């Protein structure tokens, strides 16, 4: 699977900007969303090749949004990488149980992220 279009879901304008700049400079098309609800709506509309999901957001958190995306017929085949400050092993296990394909702790190492994307 070639990854071309990536949806970044994060409530932090700074995180969205940094992630978007990194991905665009590496040739990816980037869509952003500020909340779990908006992320789900954009994923269904845009059908990105990958979703990078923050966890700590107002309203629907990233774990809930990941679970919704990975269980919905329209979006279940879109891989989700959780990118969060929640670095406990229990958080990682929970994120993967919600359907995330990978779990990265912020600050995300850009080379590690790009390598994981390229490996999909």
PDB file of N, CA and C in Angstrom:
ATOM      1  N   UNK A   1       0.846  -1.186   0.000  1.00  0.00           N
ATOM      2  CA  UNK A   1       0.000   0.000   0.000  1.00  0.00           C
ATOM      3  C   UNK A   1       0.889   1.247   0.000  1.00  0.00           C
ATOM      4  N   UNK A   2       0.697   2.106  -0.967  1.00  0.00           N
ATOM      5  CA  UNK A   2       1.449   3.353  -1.014  1.00  0.00           C
ATOM      6  C   UNK A   2       0.666   4.440  -0.289  1.00  0.00           C
ATOM      7  N   UNK A   3       1.316   5.059   0.663  1.00  0.00           N
ATOM      8  CA  UNK A   3       0.682   6.125   1.439  1.00  0.00           C
ATOM      9  C   UNK A   3       0.904   7.444   0.715  1.00  0.00           C
ATOM     10  N   UNK A   4      -0.199   8.119   0.374  1.00  0.00           N
ATOM     11  CA  UNK A   4      -0.108   9.424  -0.286  1.00  0.00           C
ATOM     12  C   UNK A   4      -0.793  10.500   0.542  1.00  0.00           C
ATOM     13  N   UNK A   5      -1.997  10.198   1.034  1.00  0.00           N
ATOM     14  CA  UNK A   5      -2.806  11.185   1.757  1.00  0.00           C
ATOM     15  C   UNK A   5      -2.904  10.795   3.230  1.00  0.00           C
ATOM     16  N   UNK A   6      -2.520  11.737   4.120  1.00  0.00           N
ATOM     17  CA  UNK A   6      -2.501  11.464   5.558  1.00  0.00           C
ATOM     18  C   UNK A   6      -3.386  12.470   6.285  1.00  0.00           C
ATOM     19  N   UNK A   7      -4.225  11.955   7.171  1.00  0.00           N
ATOM     20  CA  UNK A   7      -5.079  12.795   8.017  1.00  0.00           C
ATOM     21  C   UNK A   7      -4.421  12.913   9.389  1.00  0.00           C
ATOM     22  N   UNK A   8      -4.151  14.156   9.812  1.00  0.00           N
ATOM     23  CA  UNK A   8      -3.574  14.425  11.133  1.00  0.00           C
ATOM     24  C   UNK A   8      -4.687  14.960  12.020  1.00  0.00           C
ATOM     25  N   UNK A   9      -5.003  14.222  13.101  1.00  0.00           N
ATOM     26  CA  UNK A   9      -6.053  14.627  14.039  1.00  0.00           C
ATOM     27  C   UNK A   9      -5.386  15.018  15.356  1.00  0.00           C
ATOM     28  N   UNK A  10      -5.416  16.322  15.674  1.00  0.00           N
ATOM     29  CA  UNK A  10      -4.778  16.815  16.899  1.00  0.00           C
ATOM     30  C   UNK A  10      -5.409  18.150  17.261  1.00  0.00           C
ATOM     31  N   UNK A  11      -5.724  18.352  18.535  1.00  0.00           N
ATOM     32  CA  UNK A  11      -6.346  19.614  18.952  1.00  0.00           C
ATOM     33  C   UNK A  11      -5.331  20.740  19.115  1.00  0.00           C
ATOM     34  N   UNK A  12      -4.040  20.430  19.089  1.00  0.00           N
ATOM     35  CA  UNK A  12      -2.998  21.449  19.242  1.00  0.00           C
ATOM     36  C   UNK A  12      -2.617  22.033  17.875  1.00  0.00           C
ATOM     37  N   UNK A  13      -2.830  23.346  17.672  1.00  0.00           N
ATOM     38  CA  UNK A  13      -2.444  23.972  16.398  1.00  0.00           C
ATOM     39  C   UNK A  13      -0.947  23.805  16.114  1.00  0.00           C
ATOM     40  N   UNK A  14      -0.125  23.850  17.156  1.00  0.00           N
ATOM     41  CA  UNK A  14       1.322  23.692  16.977  1.00  0.00           C
ATOM     42  C   UNK A  14       1.652  22.291  16.489  1.00  0.00           C
ATOM     43  N   UNK A  15       1.079  21.273  17.136  1.00  0.00           N
ATOM     44  CA  UNK A  15       1.330  19.883  16.726  1.00  0.00           C
ATOM     45  C   UNK A  15       0.868  19.646  15.285  1.00  0.00           C
ATOM     46  N   UNK A  16      -0.322  20.157  14.950  1.00  0.00           N
ATOM     47  CA  UNK A  16      -0.828  19.996  13.579  1.00  0.00           C
ATOM     48  C   UNK A  16       0.125  20.641  12.577  1.00  0.00           C
ATOM     49  N   UNK A  17       0.609  21.843  12.898  1.00  0.00           N
ATOM     50  CA  UNK A  17       1.501  22.572  11.999  1.00  0.00           C
ATOM     51  C   UNK A  17       2.824  21.818  11.803  1.00  0.00           C
ATOM     52  N   UNK A  18       3.424  21.374  12.908  1.00  0.00           N
ATOM     53  CA  UNK A  18       4.711  20.674  12.845  1.00  0.00           C
ATOM     54  C   UNK A  18       4.570  19.375  12.043  1.00  0.00           C
ATOM     55  N   UNK A  19       3.537  18.601  12.349  1.00  0.00           N
ATOM     56  CA  UNK A  19       3.319  17.326  11.662  1.00  0.00           C
ATOM     57  C   UNK A  19       3.042  17.551  10.172  1.00  0.00           C
ATOM     58  N   UNK A  20       2.198  18.551   9.885  1.00  0.00           N
ATOM     59  CA  UNK A  20       1.862  18.849   8.492  1.00  0.00           C
ATOM     60  C   UNK A  20       3.110  19.261   7.710  1.00  0.00           C
ATOM     61  N   UNK A  21       3.928  20.144   8.290  1.00  0.00           N
ATOM     62  CA  UNK A  21       5.150  20.604   7.619  1.00  0.00           C
ATOM     63  C   UNK A  21       6.097  19.437   7.337  1.00  0.00           C
ATOM     64  N   UNK A  22       6.267  18.551   8.324  1.00  0.00           N
ATOM     65  CA  UNK A  22       7.136  17.388   8.148  1.00  0.00           C
ATOM     66  C   UNK A  22       6.630  16.502   7.004  1.00  0.00           C
ATOM     67  N   UNK A  23       5.343  16.203   7.029  1.00  0.00           N
ATOM     68  CA  UNK A  23       4.782  15.283   6.031  1.00  0.00           C
ATOM     69  C   UNK A  23       4.787  15.884   4.628  1.00  0.00           C
ATOM     70  N   UNK A  24       4.406  17.165   4.514  1.00  0.00           N
ATOM     71  CA  UNK A  24       4.395  17.817   3.195  1.00  0.00           C
ATOM     72  C   UNK A  24       5.807  17.869   2.619  1.00  0.00           C
ATOM     73  N   UNK A  25       6.795  18.172   3.475  1.00  0.00           N
ATOM     74  CA  UNK A  25       8.181  18.251   2.991  1.00  0.00           C
ATOM     75  C   UNK A  25       8.702  16.886   2.541  1.00  0.00           C
ATOM     76  N   UNK A  26       7.994  15.824   2.923  1.00  0.00           N
ATOM     77  CA  UNK A  26       8.374  14.479   2.498  1.00  0.00           C
ATOM     78  C   UNK A  26       7.431  13.925   1.431  1.00  0.00           C
ATOM     79  N   UNK A  27       6.656  14.817   0.802  1.00  0.00           N
ATOM     80  CA  UNK A  27       5.868  14.443  -0.364  1.00  0.00           C
ATOM     81  C   UNK A  27       4.470  13.939  -0.112  1.00  0.00           C
ATOM     82  N   UNK A  28       3.964  14.061   1.111  1.00  0.00           N
ATOM     83  CA  UNK A  28       2.618  13.575   1.407  1.00  0.00           C
ATOM     84  C   UNK A  28       1.593  14.700   1.300  1.00  0.00           C
ATOM     85  N   UNK A  29       0.389  14.347   0.903  1.00  0.00           N
ATOM     86  CA  UNK A  29      -0.744  15.267   0.947  1.00  0.00           C
ATOM     87  C   UNK A  29      -1.307  15.165   2.359  1.00  0.00           C
ATOM     88  N   UNK A  30      -1.591  16.299   3.000  1.00  0.00           N
ATOM     89  CA  UNK A  30      -2.014  16.286   4.395  1.00  0.00           C
ATOM     90  C   UNK A  30      -3.346  16.997   4.581  1.00  0.00           C
ATOM     91  N   UNK A  31      -4.232  16.345   5.335  1.00  0.00           N
ATOM     92  CA  UNK A  31      -5.513  16.919   5.741  1.00  0.00           C
ATOM     93  C   UNK A  31      -5.423  16.998   7.265  1.00  0.00           C
ATOM     94  N   UNK A  32      -6.037  18.000   7.877  1.00  0.00           N
ATOM     95  CA  UNK A  32      -5.996  18.086   9.336  1.00  0.00           C
ATOM     96  C   UNK A  32      -7.400  18.174   9.917  1.00  0.00           C
ATOM     97  N   UNK A  33      -7.501  17.761  11.171  1.00  0.00           N
ATOM     98  CA  UNK A  33      -8.740  17.866  11.931  1.00  0.00           C
ATOM     99  C   UNK A  33      -8.369  18.229  13.360  1.00  0.00           C
ATOM    100  N   UNK A  34      -9.236  19.007  14.024  1.00  0.00           N
ATOM    101  CA  UNK A  34      -8.948  19.510  15.365  1.00  0.00           C
ATOM    102  C   UNK A  34      -9.581  18.690  16.485  1.00  0.00           C
ATOM    103  N   UNK A  35     -10.408  17.703  16.137  1.00  0.00           N
ATOM    104  CA  UNK A  35     -11.095  16.919  17.171  1.00  0.00           C
ATOM    105  C   UNK A  35     -11.349  15.509  16.657  1.00  0.00           C
ATOM    106  N   UNK A  36     -11.692  14.625  17.596  1.00  0.00           N
ATOM    107  CA  UNK A  36     -12.033  13.255  17.205  1.00  0.00           C
ATOM    108  C   UNK A  36     -13.224  13.212  16.276  1.00  0.00           C
ATOM    109  N   UNK A  37     -14.243  14.043  16.585  1.00  0.00           N
ATOM    110  CA  UNK A  37     -15.453  14.071  15.746  1.00  0.00           C
ATOM    111  C   UNK A  37     -15.130  14.532  14.336  1.00  0.00           C
ATOM    112  N   UNK A  38     -14.335  15.620  14.229  1.00  0.00           N
ATOM    113  CA  UNK A  38     -13.969  16.135  12.913  1.00  0.00           C
ATOM    114  C   UNK A  38     -13.084  15.128  12.174  1.00  0.00           C
ATOM    115  N   UNK A  39     -12.212  14.450  12.926  1.00  0.00           N
ATOM    116  CA  UNK A  39     -11.342  13.440  12.321  1.00  0.00           C
ATOM    117  C   UNK A  39     -12.133  12.304  11.696  1.00  0.00           C
ATOM    118  N   UNK A  40     -13.160  11.837  12.392  1.00  0.00           N
ATOM    119  CA  UNK A  40     -14.006  10.763  11.861  1.00  0.00           C
ATOM    120  C   UNK A  40     -14.726  11.236  10.600  1.00  0.00           C
ATOM    121  N   UNK A  41     -15.295  12.439  10.655  1.00  0.00           N
ATOM    122  CA  UNK A  41     -16.017  12.986   9.499  1.00  0.00           C
ATOM    123  C   UNK A  41     -15.092  13.136   8.292  1.00  0.00           C
ATOM    124  N   UNK A  42     -13.898  13.668   8.523  1.00  0.00           N
ATOM    125  CA  UNK A  42     -12.952  13.863   7.405  1.00  0.00           C
ATOM    126  C   UNK A  42     -12.441  12.530   6.872  1.00  0.00           C
ATOM    127  N   UNK A  43     -12.235  11.557   7.757  1.00  0.00           N
ATOM    128  CA  UNK A  43     -11.772  10.237   7.306  1.00  0.00           C
ATOM    129  C   UNK A  43     -12.815   9.603   6.389  1.00  0.00           C
ATOM    130  N   UNK A  44     -14.091   9.739   6.744  1.00  0.00           N
ATOM    131  CA  UNK A  44     -15.160   9.158   5.917  1.00  0.00           C
ATOM    132  C   UNK A  44     -15.282   9.883   4.586  1.00  0.00           C
ATOM    133  N   UNK A  45     -15.083  11.193   4.593  1.00  0.00           N
ATOM    134  CA  UNK A  45     -15.227  11.998   3.375  1.00  0.00           C
ATOM    135  C   UNK A  45     -14.008  11.871   2.461  1.00  0.00           C
ATOM    136  N   UNK A  46     -12.810  11.970   3.036  1.00  0.00           N
ATOM    137  CA  UNK A  46     -11.571  12.035   2.251  1.00  0.00           C
ATOM    138  C   UNK A  46     -10.920  10.672   1.998  1.00  0.00           C
ATOM    139  N   UNK A  47     -11.235   9.679   2.831  1.00  0.00           N
ATOM    140  CA  UNK A  47     -10.623   8.346   2.768  1.00  0.00           C
ATOM    141  C   UNK A  47      -9.100   8.414   2.620  1.00  0.00           C
ATOM    142  N   UNK A  48      -8.426   8.949   3.654  1.00  0.00           N
ATOM    143  CA  UNK A  48      -6.958   9.040   3.598  1.00  0.00           C
ATOM    144  C   UNK A  48      -6.324   7.651   3.627  1.00  0.00           C
ATOM    145  N   UNK A  49      -5.033   7.596   3.316  1.00  0.00           N
ATOM    146  CA  UNK A  49      -4.299   6.325   3.337  1.00  0.00           C
ATOM    147  C   UNK A  49      -3.798   5.986   4.736  1.00  0.00           C
ATOM    148  N   UNK A  50      -3.787   7.005   5.633  1.00  0.00           N
ATOM    149  CA  UNK A  50      -3.299   6.823   6.993  1.00  0.00           C
ATOM    150  C   UNK A  50      -3.885   7.925   7.863  1.00  0.00           C
ATOM    151  N   UNK A  51      -4.161   7.599   9.142  1.00  0.00           N
ATOM    152  CA  UNK A  51      -4.602   8.596  10.113  1.00  0.00           C
ATOM    153  C   UNK A  51      -3.583   8.633  11.248  1.00  0.00           C
ATOM    154  N   UNK A  52      -3.108   9.851  11.584  1.00  0.00           N
ATOM    155  CA  UNK A  52      -2.254  10.056  12.757  1.00  0.00           C
ATOM    156  C   UNK A  52      -3.144  10.693  13.808  1.00  0.00           C
ATOM    157  N   UNK A  53      -3.392   9.980  14.914  1.00  0.00           N
ATOM    158  CA  UNK A  53      -4.420  10.348  15.886  1.00  0.00           C
ATOM    159  C   UNK A  53      -3.827  10.702  17.247  1.00  0.00           C
ATOM    160  N   UNK A  54      -4.098  11.931  17.707  1.00  0.00           N
ATOM    161  CA  UNK A  54      -3.763  12.323  19.072  1.00  0.00           C
ATOM    162  C   UNK A  54      -4.770  11.631  19.994  1.00  0.00           C
ATOM    163  N   UNK A  55      -4.470  11.551  21.287  1.00  0.00           N
ATOM    164  CA  UNK A  55      -5.412  10.939  22.222  1.00  0.00           C
ATOM    165  C   UNK A  55      -6.143  11.989  23.054  1.00  0.00           C
ATOM    166  N   UNK A  56      -5.391  12.888  23.682  1.00  0.00           N
ATOM    167  CA  UNK A  56      -5.993  13.834  24.616  1.00  0.00           C
ATOM    168  C   UNK A  56      -6.583  15.013  23.845  1.00  0.00           C
ATOM    169  N   UNK A  57      -7.911  14.957  23.646  1.00  0.00           N
ATOM    170  CA  UNK A  57      -8.634  16.010  22.932  1.00  0.00           C
ATOM    171  C   UNK A  57      -9.986  16.190  23.613  1.00  0.00           C
ATOM    172  N   UNK A  58     -10.535  17.414  23.563  1.00  0.00           N
ATOM    173  CA  UNK A  58     -11.876  17.609  24.134  1.00  0.00           C
ATOM    174  C   UNK A  58     -12.916  16.839  23.315  1.00  0.00           C
ATOM    175  N   UNK A  59     -14.026  16.500  23.943  1.00  0.00           N
ATOM    176  CA  UNK A  59     -15.058  15.731  23.233  1.00  0.00           C
ATOM    177  C   UNK A  59     -14.604  14.295  23.078  1.00  0.00           C
ATOM    178  N   UNK A  60     -14.728  13.787  21.872  1.00  0.00           N
ATOM    179  CA  UNK A  60     -14.333  12.412  21.573  1.00  0.00           C
ATOM    180  C   UNK A  60     -12.807  12.307  21.629  1.00  0.00           C
ATOM    181  N   UNK A  61     -12.264  11.475  22.517  1.00  0.00           N
ATOM    182  CA  UNK A  61     -10.806  11.360  22.569  1.00  0.00           C
ATOM    183  C   UNK A  61     -10.286  10.452  21.454  1.00  0.00           C
ATOM    184  N   UNK A  62      -8.965  10.417  21.333  1.00  0.00           N
ATOM    185  CA  UNK A  62      -8.356   9.659  20.241  1.00  0.00           C
ATOM    186  C   UNK A  62      -8.591   8.163  20.307  1.00  0.00           C
ATOM    187  N   UNK A  63      -8.685   7.609  21.526  1.00  0.00           N
ATOM    188  CA  UNK A  63      -8.982   6.182  21.644  1.00  0.00           C
ATOM    189  C   UNK A  63     -10.384   5.896  21.106  1.00  0.00           C
ATOM    190  N   UNK A  64     -11.355   6.734  21.468  1.00  0.00           N
ATOM    191  CA  UNK A  64     -12.739   6.557  20.998  1.00  0.00           C
ATOM    192  C   UNK A  64     -12.825   6.732  19.487  1.00  0.00           C
ATOM    193  N   UNK A  65     -12.142   7.762  18.976  1.00  0.00           N
ATOM    194  CA  UNK A  65     -12.179   8.022  17.532  1.00  0.00           C
ATOM    195  C   UNK A  65     -11.516   6.879  16.758  1.00  0.00           C
ATOM    196  N   UNK A  66     -10.399   6.360  17.296  1.00  0.00           N
ATOM    197  CA  UNK A  66      -9.720   5.228  16.647  1.00  0.00           C
ATOM    198  C   UNK A  66     -10.641   4.016  16.603  1.00  0.00           C
ATOM    199  N   UNK A  67     -11.300   3.729  17.721  1.00  0.00           N
ATOM    200  CA  UNK A  67     -12.226   2.595  17.780  1.00  0.00           C
ATOM    201  C   UNK A  67     -13.344   2.762  16.751  1.00  0.00           C
ATOM    202  N   UNK A  68     -13.884   3.976  16.650  1.00  0.00           N
ATOM    203  CA  UNK A  68     -14.960   4.246  15.687  1.00  0.00           C
ATOM    204  C   UNK A  68     -14.476   4.008  14.261  1.00  0.00           C
ATOM    205  N   UNK A  69     -13.301   4.541  13.927  1.00  0.00           N
ATOM    206  CA  UNK A  69     -12.774   4.396  12.559  1.00  0.00           C
ATOM    207  C   UNK A  69     -12.460   2.947  12.206  1.00  0.00           C
ATOM    208  N   UNK A  70     -11.857   2.217  13.144  1.00  0.00           N
ATOM    209  CA  UNK A  70     -11.425   0.856  12.823  1.00  0.00           C
ATOM    210  C   UNK A  70     -12.581  -0.147  12.837  1.00  0.00           C
ATOM    211  N   UNK A  71     -13.732   0.269  13.344  1.00  0.00           N
ATOM    212  CA  UNK A  71     -14.898  -0.635  13.348  1.00  0.00           C
ATOM    213  C   UNK A  71     -15.953  -0.253  12.321  1.00  0.00           C
ATOM    214  N   UNK A  72     -15.771   0.888  11.652  1.00  0.00           N
ATOM    215  CA  UNK A  72     -16.738   1.348  10.647  1.00  0.00           C
ATOM    216  C   UNK A  72     -16.385   0.727   9.293  1.00  0.00           C
ATOM    217  N   UNK A  73     -17.377   0.204   8.617  1.00  0.00           N
ATOM    218  CA  UNK A  73     -17.176  -0.452   7.325  1.00  0.00           C
ATOM    219  C   UNK A  73     -16.446   0.451   6.327  1.00  0.00           C
ATOM    220  N   UNK A  74     -16.762   1.750   6.327  1.00  0.00           N
ATOM    221  CA  UNK A  74     -16.197   2.690   5.352  1.00  0.00           C
ATOM    222  C   UNK A  74     -14.724   3.014   5.621  1.00  0.00           C
ATOM    223  N   UNK A  75     -14.294   2.904   6.883  1.00  0.00           N
ATOM    224  CA  UNK A  75     -12.936   3.350   7.231  1.00  0.00           C
ATOM    225  C   UNK A  75     -12.081   2.264   7.890  1.00  0.00           C
ATOM    226  N   UNK A  76     -12.587   1.069   8.011  1.00  0.00           N
ATOM    227  CA  UNK A  76     -11.881   0.019   8.763  1.00  0.00           C
ATOM    228  C   UNK A  76     -10.532  -0.373   8.167  1.00  0.00           C
ATOM    229  N   UNK A  77     -10.326  -0.148   6.866  1.00  0.00           N
ATOM    230  CA  UNK A  77      -9.058  -0.529   6.237  1.00  0.00           C
ATOM    231  C   UNK A  77      -8.021   0.583   6.232  1.00  0.00           C
ATOM    232  N   UNK A  78      -8.346   1.730   6.832  1.00  0.00           N
ATOM    233  CA  UNK A  78      -7.388   2.840   6.926  1.00  0.00           C
ATOM    234  C   UNK A  78      -6.567   2.632   8.198  1.00  0.00           C
ATOM    235  N   UNK A  79      -5.232   2.474   8.078  1.00  0.00           N
ATOM    236  CA  UNK A  79      -4.427   2.299   9.287  1.00  0.00           C
ATOM    237  C   UNK A  79      -4.422   3.573  10.134  1.00  0.00           C
ATOM    238  N   UNK A  80      -4.408   3.389  11.448  1.00  0.00           N
ATOM    239  CA  UNK A  80      -4.354   4.508  12.393  1.00  0.00           C
ATOM    240  C   UNK A  80      -3.091   4.360  13.239  1.00  0.00           C
ATOM    241  N   UNK A  81      -2.292   5.435  13.291  1.00  0.00           N
ATOM    242  CA  UNK A  81      -1.152   5.502  14.211  1.00  0.00           C
ATOM    243  C   UNK A  81      -1.563   6.472  15.311  1.00  0.00           C
ATOM    244  N   UNK A  82      -1.527   6.021  16.553  1.00  0.00           N
ATOM    245  CA  UNK A  82      -1.781   6.916  17.669  1.00  0.00           C
ATOM    246  C   UNK A  82      -0.477   7.657  17.953  1.00  0.00           C
ATOM    247  N   UNK A  83      -0.551   8.994  18.032  1.00  0.00           N
ATOM    248  CA  UNK A  83       0.605   9.847  18.343  1.00  0.00           C
ATOM    249  C   UNK A  83       0.211  10.692  19.546  1.00  0.00           C
ATOM    250  N   UNK A  84       0.758  10.386  20.720  1.00  0.00           N
ATOM    251  CA  UNK A  84       0.274  11.002  21.955  1.00  0.00           C
ATOM    252  C   UNK A  84       1.383  11.190  22.976  1.00  0.00           C
ATOM    253  N   UNK A  85       1.111  12.028  23.962  1.00  0.00           N
ATOM    254  CA  UNK A  85       2.038  12.195  25.084  1.00  0.00           C
ATOM    255  C   UNK A  85       1.840  11.092  26.114  1.00  0.00           C
ATOM    256  N   UNK A  86       0.757  10.320  25.990  1.00  0.00           N
ATOM    257  CA  UNK A  86       0.461   9.248  26.949  1.00  0.00           C
ATOM    258  C   UNK A  86       1.389   8.059  26.671  1.00  0.00           C
ATOM    259  N   UNK A  87       2.472   7.984  27.472  1.00  0.00           N
ATOM    260  CA  UNK A  87       3.511   7.007  27.191  1.00  0.00           C
ATOM    261  C   UNK A  87       3.525   5.767  28.057  1.00  0.00           C
ATOM    262  N   UNK A  88       2.524   5.594  28.910  1.00  0.00           N
ATOM    263  CA  UNK A  88       2.471   4.403  29.760  1.00  0.00           C
ATOM    264  C   UNK A  88       2.217   3.153  28.921  1.00  0.00           C
ATOM    265  N   UNK A  89       2.751   2.036  29.345  1.00  0.00           N
ATOM    266  CA  UNK A  89       2.549   0.772  28.627  1.00  0.00           C
ATOM    267  C   UNK A  89       1.061   0.428  28.541  1.00  0.00           C
ATOM    268  N   UNK A  90       0.309   0.730  29.609  1.00  0.00           N
ATOM    269  CA  UNK A  90      -1.138   0.438  29.590  1.00  0.00           C
ATOM    270  C   UNK A  90      -1.857   1.280  28.528  1.00  0.00           C
ATOM    271  N   UNK A  91      -1.396   2.532  28.332  1.00  0.00           N
ATOM    272  CA  UNK A  91      -1.980   3.379  27.288  1.00  0.00           C
ATOM    273  C   UNK A  91      -1.721   2.774  25.910  1.00  0.00           C
ATOM    274  N   UNK A  92      -0.489   2.317  25.711  1.00  0.00           N
ATOM    275  CA  UNK A  92      -0.122   1.724  24.426  1.00  0.00           C
ATOM    276  C   UNK A  92      -0.971   0.476  24.149  1.00  0.00           C
ATOM    277  N   UNK A  93      -1.079  -0.379  25.142  1.00  0.00           N
ATOM    278  CA  UNK A  93      -1.883  -1.605  24.975  1.00  0.00           C
ATOM    279  C   UNK A  93      -3.327  -1.234  24.658  1.00  0.00           C
ATOM    280  N   UNK A  94      -3.869  -0.254  25.382  1.00  0.00           N
ATOM    281  CA  UNK A  94      -5.254   0.166  25.155  1.00  0.00           C
ATOM    282  C   UNK A  94      -5.428   0.730  23.751  1.00  0.00           C
ATOM    283  N   UNK A  95      -4.485   1.564  23.312  1.00  0.00           N
ATOM    284  CA  UNK A  95      -4.555   2.145  21.973  1.00  0.00           C
ATOM    285  C   UNK A  95      -4.559   1.077  20.891  1.00  0.00           C
ATOM    286  N   UNK A  96      -3.706   0.088  21.044  1.00  0.00           N
ATOM    287  CA  UNK A  96      -3.646  -0.999  20.061  1.00  0.00           C
ATOM    288  C   UNK A  96      -4.918  -1.843  20.104  1.00  0.00           C
ATOM    289  N   UNK A  97      -5.501  -1.995  21.303  1.00  0.00           N
ATOM    290  CA  UNK A  97      -6.754  -2.756  21.421  1.00  0.00           C
ATOM    291  C   UNK A  97      -7.923  -2.028  20.769  1.00  0.00           C
ATOM    292  N   UNK A  98      -7.807  -0.699  20.607  1.00  0.00           N
ATOM    293  CA  UNK A  98      -8.864   0.067  19.949  1.00  0.00           C
ATOM    294  C   UNK A  98      -8.770  -0.056  18.425  1.00  0.00           C
ATOM    295  N   UNK A  99      -7.700  -0.700  17.963  1.00  0.00           N
ATOM    296  CA  UNK A  99      -7.551  -0.917  16.524  1.00  0.00           C
ATOM    297  C   UNK A  99      -6.388  -0.178  15.897  1.00  0.00           C
ATOM    298  N   UNK A 100      -5.640   0.606  16.691  1.00  0.00           N
ATOM    299  CA  UNK A 100      -4.488   1.322  16.132  1.00  0.00           C
ATOM    300  C   UNK A 100      -3.451   0.329  15.627  1.00  0.00           C
ATOM    301  N   UNK A 101      -2.823   0.670  14.524  1.00  0.00           N
ATOM    302  CA  UNK A 101      -1.802  -0.205  13.965  1.00  0.00           C
ATOM    303  C   UNK A 101      -0.442   0.044  14.613  1.00  0.00           C
ATOM    304  N   UNK A 102      -0.248   1.277  15.094  1.00  0.00           N
ATOM    305  CA  UNK A 102       1.012   1.605  15.760  1.00  0.00           C
ATOM    306  C   UNK A 102       0.752   2.676  16.808  1.00  0.00           C
ATOM    307  N   UNK A 103       1.711   2.872  17.708  1.00  0.00           N
ATOM    308  CA  UNK A 103       1.550   3.797  18.825  1.00  0.00           C
ATOM    309  C   UNK A 103       2.874   4.518  19.019  1.00  0.00           C
ATOM    310  N   UNK A 104       2.883   5.841  18.811  1.00  0.00           N
ATOM    311  CA  UNK A 104       4.096   6.636  18.951  1.00  0.00           C
ATOM    312  C   UNK A 104       3.902   7.663  20.058  1.00  0.00           C
ATOM    313  N   UNK A 105       4.939   7.847  20.873  1.00  0.00           N
ATOM    314  CA  UNK A 105       4.867   8.798  21.983  1.00  0.00           C
ATOM    315  C   UNK A 105       5.506  10.119  21.552  1.00  0.00           C
ATOM    316  N   UNK A 106       4.789  11.229  21.849  1.00  0.00           N
ATOM    317  CA  UNK A 106       5.308  12.565  21.538  1.00  0.00           C
ATOM    318  C   UNK A 106       6.380  12.949  22.553  1.00  0.00           C
ATOM    319  N   UNK A 107       7.372  13.731  22.168  1.00  0.00           N
ATOM    320  CA  UNK A 107       7.548  14.224  20.808  1.00  0.00           C
ATOM    321  C   UNK A 107       7.934  13.081  19.874  1.00  0.00           C
ATOM    322  N   UNK A 108       7.208  12.982  18.773  1.00  0.00           N
ATOM    323  CA  UNK A 108       7.418  11.893  17.820  1.00  0.00           C
ATOM    324  C   UNK A 108       8.743  12.124  17.089  1.00  0.00           C
ATOM    325  N   UNK A 109       9.555  11.081  17.012  1.00  0.00           N
ATOM    326  CA  UNK A 109      10.806  11.138  16.261  1.00  0.00           C
ATOM    327  C   UNK A 109      10.446  11.124  14.773  1.00  0.00           C
ATOM    328  N   UNK A 110      10.793  12.188  14.070  1.00  0.00           N
ATOM    329  CA  UNK A 110      10.362  12.319  12.676  1.00  0.00           C
ATOM    330  C   UNK A 110      10.887  11.201  11.786  1.00  0.00           C
ATOM    331  N   UNK A 111      12.133  10.786  11.996  1.00  0.00           N
ATOM    332  CA  UNK A 111      12.693   9.708  11.167  1.00  0.00           C
ATOM    333  C   UNK A 111      11.980   8.381  11.436  1.00  0.00           C
ATOM    334  N   UNK A 112      11.662   8.130  12.709  1.00  0.00           N
ATOM    335  CA  UNK A 112      10.940   6.905  13.066  1.00  0.00           C
ATOM    336  C   UNK A 112       9.550   6.906  12.424  1.00  0.00           C
ATOM    337  N   UNK A 113       8.859   8.062  12.514  1.00  0.00           N
ATOM    338  CA  UNK A 113       7.531   8.165  11.914  1.00  0.00           C
ATOM    339  C   UNK A 113       7.586   7.929  10.412  1.00  0.00           C
ATOM    340  N   UNK A 114       8.518   8.590   9.727  1.00  0.00           N
ATOM    341  CA  UNK A 114       8.620   8.441   8.264  1.00  0.00           C
ATOM    342  C   UNK A 114       8.957   7.000   7.888  1.00  0.00           C
ATOM    343  N   UNK A 115       9.796   6.335   8.673  1.00  0.00           N
ATOM    344  CA  UNK A 115      10.143   4.942   8.412  1.00  0.00           C
ATOM    345  C   UNK A 115       8.920   4.041   8.571  1.00  0.00           C
ATOM    346  N   UNK A 116       8.119   4.298   9.615  1.00  0.00           N
ATOM    347  CA  UNK A 116       6.919   3.486   9.846  1.00  0.00           C
ATOM    348  C   UNK A 116       5.900   3.696   8.726  1.00  0.00           C
ATOM    349  N   UNK A 117       5.767   4.932   8.248  1.00  0.00           N
ATOM    350  CA  UNK A 117       4.857   5.221   7.136  1.00  0.00           C
ATOM    351  C   UNK A 117       5.335   4.507   5.883  1.00  0.00           C
ATOM    352  N   UNK A 118       6.619   4.602   5.612  1.00  0.00           N
ATOM    353  CA  UNK A 118       7.194   3.965   4.413  1.00  0.00           C
ATOM    354  C   UNK A 118       7.035   2.444   4.457  1.00  0.00           C
ATOM    355  N   UNK A 119       7.012   1.869   5.670  1.00  0.00           N
ATOM    356  CA  UNK A 119       6.912   0.412   5.823  1.00  0.00           C
ATOM    357  C   UNK A 119       5.495  -0.110   5.585  1.00  0.00           C
ATOM    358  N   UNK A 120       4.502   0.774   5.550  1.00  0.00           N
ATOM    359  CA  UNK A 120       3.111   0.309   5.379  1.00  0.00           C
ATOM    360  C   UNK A 120       2.888  -0.270   3.993  1.00  0.00           C
TER     361      UNK A 120
END
